[in-house]
Protein backbone atom coordinates (compact mmCIF):
# COMPACT_ATOMS: atom_id res chain seq x y z
CA MET A 1 -5.74 -19.84 9.48
CA TYR A 2 -4.27 -17.10 7.39
CA THR A 3 -6.44 -14.09 6.98
CA PRO A 4 -6.59 -11.61 4.13
CA CYS A 5 -5.29 -8.90 6.47
CA GLU A 6 -2.12 -10.89 6.90
CA ALA A 7 -1.57 -10.90 3.18
CA VAL A 8 -2.29 -7.13 3.17
CA VAL A 9 0.47 -6.56 5.67
CA LYS A 10 2.94 -8.47 3.54
CA THR A 11 1.95 -7.07 0.17
CA VAL A 12 -0.53 -4.16 -0.03
CA LEU A 13 0.75 -1.96 2.80
CA PRO A 14 4.40 -2.12 1.60
CA ASN A 15 3.26 -1.22 -1.88
CA ILE A 16 1.23 1.72 -0.65
CA ARG A 17 4.24 2.96 1.27
CA ALA A 18 6.46 2.40 -1.80
CA LEU A 19 4.15 4.43 -4.01
CA ILE A 20 3.89 7.24 -1.46
CA ALA A 21 7.68 7.28 -1.10
CA LYS A 22 8.08 7.35 -4.89
CA GLU A 23 5.55 10.21 -5.16
CA LEU A 24 7.20 12.29 -2.49
CA SER A 25 10.71 11.65 -3.86
CA GLU A 26 10.01 12.08 -7.58
CA ASN A 27 7.11 14.51 -7.82
CA TYR A 28 7.86 16.63 -4.74
CA HIS A 29 11.62 16.31 -4.99
CA MET A 30 12.00 15.37 -1.34
CA ARG A 31 15.15 13.85 0.00
CA GLN A 32 14.83 10.20 1.14
CA ALA A 33 15.65 11.17 4.72
CA ASP A 34 12.78 13.69 4.73
CA VAL A 35 10.40 11.12 3.20
CA ALA A 36 11.42 8.65 5.84
CA LYS A 37 10.78 11.10 8.63
CA LEU A 38 7.31 11.87 7.30
CA LEU A 39 6.40 8.22 6.89
CA GLY A 40 7.96 7.09 10.17
CA ILE A 41 10.30 4.62 8.42
CA SER A 42 14.06 4.43 7.82
CA GLN A 43 15.86 6.16 4.98
CA SER A 44 17.09 2.75 3.78
CA ALA A 45 13.45 1.56 3.55
CA VAL A 46 12.62 4.57 1.41
CA SER A 47 15.61 3.80 -0.82
CA MET A 48 14.49 0.21 -1.24
CA TYR A 49 10.91 1.36 -2.05
CA VAL A 50 12.07 3.87 -4.60
CA ARG A 51 14.44 1.31 -6.27
CA LYS A 52 11.63 -1.27 -6.18
CA ASN A 53 13.58 -3.68 -3.98
CA ARG A 54 10.76 -3.66 -1.46
CA GLY A 55 6.96 -3.23 -1.68
CA ILE A 56 6.64 -5.13 -4.97
CA GLY A 57 4.26 -7.92 -3.89
CA ILE A 58 1.43 -6.32 -5.74
CA ASN A 59 1.41 -3.55 -8.37
CA LEU A 60 -1.14 -0.96 -7.35
CA GLU A 61 0.32 1.70 -9.70
CA LYS A 62 -1.56 0.21 -12.66
CA GLU A 63 -4.86 0.39 -10.80
CA ARG A 64 -5.96 3.91 -11.78
CA ASP A 65 -8.39 4.76 -8.96
CA VAL A 66 -6.11 3.18 -6.34
CA HIS A 67 -3.17 5.14 -7.71
CA GLU A 68 -5.21 8.34 -7.72
CA ARG A 69 -5.94 7.89 -4.03
CA ILE A 70 -2.27 7.35 -3.31
CA ILE A 71 -1.39 10.49 -5.22
CA TRP A 72 -4.03 12.41 -3.20
CA LEU A 73 -2.67 10.97 0.00
CA SER A 74 0.93 11.85 -0.93
CA GLU A 75 -0.06 15.43 -1.60
CA ARG A 76 -1.70 15.75 1.81
CA ILE A 77 1.32 14.18 3.49
CA PHE A 78 3.62 16.62 1.68
CA ASP A 79 1.64 19.71 2.57
CA GLY A 80 0.94 18.52 6.13
CA SER A 81 -2.84 18.87 5.80
CA ILE A 82 -3.68 15.28 6.87
CA THR A 83 -4.09 14.05 10.40
CA GLN A 84 -3.02 10.65 11.64
CA GLU A 85 -6.62 9.51 11.79
CA GLU A 86 -7.29 10.69 8.21
CA TYR A 87 -4.16 8.92 7.06
CA ILE A 88 -5.24 5.68 8.69
CA SER A 89 -8.74 6.05 7.23
CA LYS A 90 -7.39 6.63 3.68
CA VAL A 91 -5.00 3.71 3.82
CA CYS A 92 -7.80 1.47 5.04
CA GLU A 93 -9.98 2.82 2.17
CA ILE A 94 -7.30 1.86 -0.31
CA CYS A 95 -6.96 -1.57 1.25
CA LYS A 96 -10.72 -2.18 1.10
CA LEU A 97 -10.77 -1.14 -2.54
CA VAL A 98 -7.93 -3.54 -3.37
CA ARG A 99 -9.73 -6.38 -1.54
CA SER A 100 -13.15 -5.64 -3.06
CA ARG A 101 -11.66 -5.84 -6.58
CA GLY A 102 -10.21 -9.28 -5.90
CA LEU A 103 -6.67 -8.05 -6.31
CA LEU A 104 -5.60 -9.58 -3.06
CA CYS A 105 -7.02 -13.06 -3.74
CA PRO A 106 -4.10 -14.52 -5.65
CA LEU A 107 -1.71 -13.32 -2.95
CA HIS A 108 -3.89 -14.62 -0.15
CA LYS A 109 -3.97 -18.00 -1.85
CA GLN A 110 -0.21 -17.91 -2.25
CA TYR A 111 0.41 -17.26 1.43
CA ALA A 112 -2.30 -19.62 2.66
CA LYS A 113 -1.34 -22.64 0.60
CA PRO A 114 -2.34 -25.24 3.16
CA LEU A 115 -5.89 -23.90 3.00
CA ASN A 116 -8.27 -24.45 0.14
CA LEU A 117 -9.30 -20.87 -0.74
CA ASP A 118 -10.63 -21.62 -4.23
CA ALA A 119 -14.22 -20.96 -3.07
CA CYS A 120 -13.33 -17.99 -0.85
CA SER A 121 -15.19 -14.80 -1.62
CA TYR A 122 -14.74 -12.98 1.68
CA CYS A 123 -13.06 -9.92 0.25
CA LEU A 124 -15.55 -9.55 -2.59
CA LYS A 125 -18.49 -9.16 -0.21
CA LYS A 126 -19.62 -5.63 0.24
């Protein structure tokens, strides 16, 4: 069985990281090496995120409230006012929002092709 969380790991989380990397690089004028250090990833990963070579499985930038949360999160990462637990909580909140809107459903179906997920409504439940 292929769970929605597995689709999140392949699509949503990389896009969240990509948008945070983009925010920190473009709006806070941080060097990629510094962004990488803050996010605990490699500089080459930041480069791929910024150039949109990675983290493009889903476009969360067009989802206004999701993007606003990512901007808020990026600001807190930049100024150092967020704890690890708060970061985890906020990323999970973004993920839950994406799932509750049904944005993950097409990707989950794509990754879980052997399964018949046409009647699946798991993520839409509150």
